[in-house]
C-alpha atoms as a PDB file:
ATOM      1  CA  MET A   1     147.048 148.495  -5.479  1.00  0.00           C
ATOM      2  CA  LEU A   2     143.347 146.372  -6.018  1.00  0.00           C
ATOM      3  CA  LYS A   3     143.131 143.325  -3.407  1.00  0.00           C
ATOM      4  CA  VAL A   4     141.348 140.704  -5.193  1.00  0.00           C
ATOM      5  CA  GLY A   5     140.449 137.790  -3.379  1.00  0.00           C
ATOM      6  CA  ILE A   6     139.642 134.165  -5.180  1.00  0.00           C
ATOM      7  CA  THR A   7     138.006 131.527  -3.091  1.00  0.00           C
ATOM      8  CA  GLY A   8     135.454 128.801  -4.188  1.00  0.00           C
ATOM      9  CA  GLY A   9     134.740 125.538  -2.299  1.00  0.00           C
ATOM     10  CA  ILE A  10     137.573 122.489  -1.881  1.00  0.00           C
ATOM     11  CA  GLY A  11     138.295 121.218  -5.255  1.00  0.00           C
ATOM     12  CA  SER A  12     136.751 124.064  -7.311  1.00  0.00           C
ATOM     13  CA  GLY A  13     139.681 124.598  -9.355  1.00  0.00           C
ATOM     14  CA  LYS A  14     141.011 127.768  -7.469  1.00  0.00           C
ATOM     15  CA  SER A  15     144.701 126.898  -7.994  1.00  0.00           C
ATOM     16  CA  THR A  16     144.049 126.561 -11.504  1.00  0.00           C
ATOM     17  CA  VAL A  17     142.480 129.407 -11.930  1.00  0.00           C
ATOM     18  CA  CYS A  18     145.315 131.377  -9.973  1.00  0.00           C
ATOM     19  CA  ARG A  19     147.888 129.496 -12.067  1.00  0.00           C
ATOM     20  CA  ILE A  20     146.449 131.391 -14.957  1.00  0.00           C
ATOM     21  CA  PHE A  21     147.017 134.997 -13.307  1.00  0.00           C
ATOM     22  CA  GLN A  22     150.017 133.778 -12.456  1.00  0.00           C
ATOM     23  CA  HIS A  23     150.820 133.172 -15.888  1.00  0.00           C
ATOM     24  CA  LEU A  24     149.748 136.429 -17.125  1.00  0.00           C
ATOM     25  CA  GLY A  25     152.102 137.581 -14.501  1.00  0.00           C
ATOM     26  CA  ILE A  26     149.775 138.502 -11.294  1.00  0.00           C
ATOM     27  CA  PRO A  27     151.313 137.689  -7.913  1.00  0.00           C
ATOM     28  CA  VAL A  28     149.127 135.128  -6.033  1.00  0.00           C
ATOM     29  CA  TYR A  29     149.420 134.793  -2.404  1.00  0.00           C
ATOM     30  CA  ASN A  30     148.189 131.616  -1.803  1.00  0.00           C
ATOM     31  CA  ALA A  31     146.732 131.692   2.105  1.00  0.00           C
ATOM     32  CA  ASP A  32     146.487 127.853   2.467  1.00  0.00           C
ATOM     33  CA  GLY A  33     149.839 127.303   1.222  1.00  0.00           C
ATOM     34  CA  ARG A  34     151.311 130.092   3.421  1.00  0.00           C
ATOM     35  CA  ALA A  35     149.267 128.657   6.449  1.00  0.00           C
ATOM     36  CA  LYS A  36     151.269 125.123   5.987  1.00  0.00           C
ATOM     37  CA  PHE A  37     154.202 126.436   6.328  1.00  0.00           C
ATOM     38  CA  LEU A  38     153.368 128.666   9.221  1.00  0.00           C
ATOM     39  CA  MET A  39     152.306 125.903  10.800  1.00  0.00           C
ATOM     40  CA  ASN A  40     155.521 124.178  10.179  1.00  0.00           C
ATOM     41  CA  HIS A  41     157.715 127.084  10.905  1.00  0.00           C
ATOM     42  CA  ASP A  42     155.947 129.733  13.237  1.00  0.00           C
ATOM     43  CA  LEU A  43     157.261 129.452  16.946  1.00  0.00           C
ATOM     44  CA  SER A  44     153.824 131.266  17.846  1.00  0.00           C
ATOM     45  CA  VAL A  45     151.838 128.960  15.711  1.00  0.00           C
ATOM     46  CA  ILE A  46     153.254 125.874  16.326  1.00  0.00           C
ATOM     47  CA  SER A  47     153.386 126.568  20.558  1.00  0.00           C
ATOM     48  CA  GLY A  48     149.064 127.754  19.660  1.00  0.00           C
ATOM     49  CA  VAL A  49     148.302 124.067  17.721  1.00  0.00           C
ATOM     50  CA  LYS A  50     150.671 122.032  20.577  1.00  0.00           C
ATOM     51  CA  GLY A  51     148.557 123.473  23.094  1.00  0.00           C
ATOM     52  CA  ILE A  52     145.401 122.236  21.617  1.00  0.00           C
ATOM     53  CA  PHE A  53     146.007 118.823  19.982  1.00  0.00           C
ATOM     54  CA  GLY A  54     149.250 118.188  22.412  1.00  0.00           C
ATOM     55  CA  GLU A  55     152.586 116.917  20.899  1.00  0.00           C
ATOM     56  CA  GLU A  56     150.753 114.540  18.560  1.00  0.00           C
ATOM     57  CA  ALA A  57     150.407 117.045  16.057  1.00  0.00           C
ATOM     58  CA  TYR A  58     154.075 117.531  15.228  1.00  0.00           C
ATOM     59  CA  VAL A  59     156.104 113.917  14.107  1.00  0.00           C
ATOM     60  CA  HIS A  60     160.167 114.867  13.653  1.00  0.00           C
ATOM     61  CA  GLY A  61     158.951 118.596  13.935  1.00  0.00           C
ATOM     62  CA  GLN A  62     156.811 118.810  11.197  1.00  0.00           C
ATOM     63  CA  LEU A  63     152.676 119.253  11.174  1.00  0.00           C
ATOM     64  CA  ASN A  64     151.208 116.039  11.419  1.00  0.00           C
ATOM     65  CA  ARG A  65     148.070 116.709   8.923  1.00  0.00           C
ATOM     66  CA  PRO A  66     146.034 113.434   8.844  1.00  0.00           C
ATOM     67  CA  PHE A  67     146.283 113.845  12.958  1.00  0.00           C
ATOM     68  CA  LEU A  68     144.805 117.367  12.814  1.00  0.00           C
ATOM     69  CA  ALA A  69     142.374 116.612   9.726  1.00  0.00           C
ATOM     70  CA  GLU A  70     140.902 114.047  11.532  1.00  0.00           C
ATOM     71  CA  ARG A  71     140.347 115.793  14.588  1.00  0.00           C
ATOM     72  CA  VAL A  72     138.847 119.257  13.438  1.00  0.00           C
ATOM     73  CA  PHE A  73     137.157 118.349  10.586  1.00  0.00           C
ATOM     74  CA  GLN A  74     134.997 115.974  12.911  1.00  0.00           C
ATOM     75  CA  ASP A  75     134.912 118.649  15.823  1.00  0.00           C
ATOM     76  CA  GLU A  76     133.563 122.247  15.007  1.00  0.00           C
ATOM     77  CA  VAL A  77     134.804 123.342  18.201  1.00  0.00           C
ATOM     78  CA  LEU A  78     138.482 122.133  17.503  1.00  0.00           C
ATOM     79  CA  LEU A  79     138.201 124.044  14.509  1.00  0.00           C
ATOM     80  CA  LYS A  80     137.768 127.286  15.544  1.00  0.00           C
ATOM     81  CA  GLN A  81     140.093 126.806  17.685  1.00  0.00           C
ATOM     82  CA  LEU A  82     142.905 125.987  15.101  1.00  0.00           C
ATOM     83  CA  ASN A  83     141.547 129.049  13.234  1.00  0.00           C
ATOM     84  CA  ALA A  84     141.886 131.092  15.831  1.00  0.00           C
ATOM     85  CA  ILE A  85     145.646 130.854  16.010  1.00  0.00           C
ATOM     86  CA  VAL A  86     145.810 130.147  11.809  1.00  0.00           C
ATOM     87  CA  HIS A  87     144.134 132.995  10.479  1.00  0.00           C
ATOM     88  CA  PRO A  88     145.487 135.988  11.877  1.00  0.00           C
ATOM     89  CA  ALA A  89     148.734 134.803  11.501  1.00  0.00           C
ATOM     90  CA  VAL A  90     148.106 134.474   8.178  1.00  0.00           C
ATOM     91  CA  PHE A  91     146.691 137.738   7.321  1.00  0.00           C
ATOM     92  CA  ALA A  92     149.552 139.205   9.501  1.00  0.00           C
ATOM     93  CA  ASP A  93     151.926 137.006   6.619  1.00  0.00           C
ATOM     94  CA  SER A  94     150.030 138.613   3.843  1.00  0.00           C
ATOM     95  CA  ILE A  95     150.861 141.933   4.832  1.00  0.00           C
ATOM     96  CA  ALA A  96     154.665 141.733   3.854  1.00  0.00           C
ATOM     97  CA  PHE A  97     153.153 140.389   0.536  1.00  0.00           C
ATOM     98  CA  PHE A  98     150.829 143.148   0.232  1.00  0.00           C
ATOM     99  CA  GLN A  99     153.567 145.440   0.794  1.00  0.00           C
ATOM    100  CA  SER A 100     155.945 143.998  -1.621  1.00  0.00           C
ATOM    101  CA  ASN A 101     153.402 144.186  -4.392  1.00  0.00           C
ATOM    102  CA  GLN A 102     152.470 147.906  -4.135  1.00  0.00           C
ATOM    103  CA  ASP A 103     153.214 148.766  -7.691  1.00  0.00           C
ATOM    104  CA  GLN A 104     151.068 146.172  -9.423  1.00  0.00           C
ATOM    105  CA  PRO A 105     148.275 146.984 -10.460  1.00  0.00           C
ATOM    106  CA  TYR A 106     146.305 144.623  -8.454  1.00  0.00           C
ATOM    107  CA  VAL A 107     147.175 140.850  -6.699  1.00  0.00           C
ATOM    108  CA  LEU A 108     145.226 137.930  -5.820  1.00  0.00           C
ATOM    109  CA  TYR A 109     144.515 136.634  -2.459  1.00  0.00           C
ATOM    110  CA  GLU A 110     143.428 132.889  -2.704  1.00  0.00           C
ATOM    111  CA  ALA A 111     141.850 131.790   0.346  1.00  0.00           C
ATOM    112  CA  ALA A 112     139.007 128.384   0.294  1.00  0.00           C
ATOM    113  CA  ILE A 113     137.702 129.761   3.364  1.00  0.00           C
ATOM    114  CA  LEU A 114     137.773 133.983   2.525  1.00  0.00           C
ATOM    115  CA  PHE A 115     134.434 134.459   4.145  1.00  0.00           C
ATOM    116  CA  GLU A 116     134.631 132.561   6.786  1.00  0.00           C
ATOM    117  CA  SER A 117     137.522 134.044   7.593  1.00  0.00           C
ATOM    118  CA  GLY A 118     136.612 137.358   7.496  1.00  0.00           C
ATOM    119  CA  ASN A 119     139.379 138.174   5.180  1.00  0.00           C
ATOM    120  CA  HIS A 120     137.260 139.114   2.002  1.00  0.00           C
ATOM    121  CA  ARG A 121     136.696 142.685   4.125  1.00  0.00           C
ATOM    122  CA  ALA A 122     140.272 143.126   3.331  1.00  0.00           C
ATOM    123  CA  MET A 123     139.643 142.792   0.039  1.00  0.00           C
ATOM    124  CA  ASP A 124     138.732 145.485  -2.689  1.00  0.00           C
ATOM    125  CA  GLN A 125     136.871 142.589  -4.995  1.00  0.00           C
ATOM    126  CA  VAL A 126     136.015 138.783  -4.695  1.00  0.00           C
ATOM    127  CA  ILE A 127     135.862 136.006  -7.279  1.00  0.00           C
ATOM    128  CA  LEU A 128     134.194 132.989  -6.646  1.00  0.00           C
ATOM    129  CA  VAL A 129     135.169 130.138  -8.277  1.00  0.00           C
ATOM    130  CA  TYR A 130     132.804 127.438  -8.659  1.00  0.00           C
ATOM    131  CA  ALA A 131     132.284 123.451  -9.539  1.00  0.00           C
ATOM    132  CA  PRO A 132     129.163 121.613  -9.333  1.00  0.00           C
ATOM    133  CA  SER A 133     129.421 119.420  -5.946  1.00  0.00           C
ATOM    134  CA  GLU A 134     129.933 116.086  -7.270  1.00  0.00           C
ATOM    135  CA  LEU A 135     133.257 117.439  -9.454  1.00  0.00           C
ATOM    136  CA  ARG A 136     134.730 118.851  -6.765  1.00  0.00           C
ATOM    137  CA  ILE A 137     134.374 115.660  -4.367  1.00  0.00           C
ATOM    138  CA  GLN A 138     135.665 113.651  -7.506  1.00  0.00           C
ATOM    139  CA  ARG A 139     138.690 116.010  -7.736  1.00  0.00           C
ATOM    140  CA  THR A 140     139.493 116.164  -4.292  1.00  0.00           C
ATOM    141  CA  MET A 141     139.261 112.611  -3.918  1.00  0.00           C
ATOM    142  CA  GLU A 142     141.578 112.124  -6.778  1.00  0.00           C
ATOM    143  CA  ARG A 143     144.337 114.897  -5.546  1.00  0.00           C
ATOM    144  CA  ASP A 144     144.334 113.984  -1.667  1.00  0.00           C
ATOM    145  CA  GLY A 145     143.540 110.513  -2.106  1.00  0.00           C
ATOM    146  CA  VAL A 146     141.025 110.305   0.470  1.00  0.00           C
ATOM    147  CA  ASP A 147     137.235 108.818   0.285  1.00  0.00           C
ATOM    148  CA  ARG A 148     133.882 110.518  -0.073  1.00  0.00           C
ATOM    149  CA  GLU A 149     133.400 111.186   3.896  1.00  0.00           C
ATOM    150  CA  ALA A 150     136.606 112.459   4.278  1.00  0.00           C
ATOM    151  CA  VAL A 151     135.547 115.881   1.554  1.00  0.00           C
ATOM    152  CA  GLU A 152     132.207 115.882   2.712  1.00  0.00           C
ATOM    153  CA  ALA A 153     133.454 116.594   5.890  1.00  0.00           C
ATOM    154  CA  ARG A 154     135.856 119.078   5.169  1.00  0.00           C
ATOM    155  CA  MET A 155     132.729 120.668   2.647  1.00  0.00           C
ATOM    156  CA  ARG A 156     130.376 120.925   5.737  1.00  0.00           C
ATOM    157  CA  GLN A 157     133.298 123.558   7.404  1.00  0.00           C
ATOM    158  CA  GLN A 158     132.999 125.453   4.162  1.00  0.00           C
ATOM    159  CA  GLN A 159     130.184 128.083   3.641  1.00  0.00           C
ATOM    160  CA  PRO A 160     128.310 126.826   0.800  1.00  0.00           C
ATOM    161  CA  ASP A 161     129.077 128.981  -2.559  1.00  0.00           C
ATOM    162  CA  GLU A 162     125.297 130.106  -2.326  1.00  0.00           C
ATOM    163  CA  GLU A 163     125.711 131.780   0.506  1.00  0.00           C
ATOM    164  CA  LYS A 164     128.792 133.277  -1.093  1.00  0.00           C
ATOM    165  CA  LEU A 165     127.607 134.456  -4.292  1.00  0.00           C
ATOM    166  CA  GLU A 166     125.548 136.428  -2.431  1.00  0.00           C
END
């Protein structure tokens, strides 16, 4: 089984491309979706997040995403601390996905920050989904209901596509 990473900046169209592969019967591991799940259900991840951000990081037992986003996308140190908790948990979680799909010719591992997390090294191939910055900004603003500044702050935390192309 080949492990194919699929990445691209926020709003680039990764999820759309993955839905096409899924429609063709190809298993897809969505790292961002699993990260959200683990941040709400994995006790060690929850404990780590609370250790950095305090009890305010969760409201009624659910991750307080606006609270967290406001902090991490304005503070690179906090983002690195959060990633140090979440990335290893997600990669460990993906191992079960890979094992359960050993009979497939290939699987996709979708992650917006595949290179930034270092997980690209575990992939046999990588697909980069590209879209111009302005289109990505518009898509993300519409999808997430956030303003331009919020999208640009997130984009600054991602490796530029030009570097990923190399």
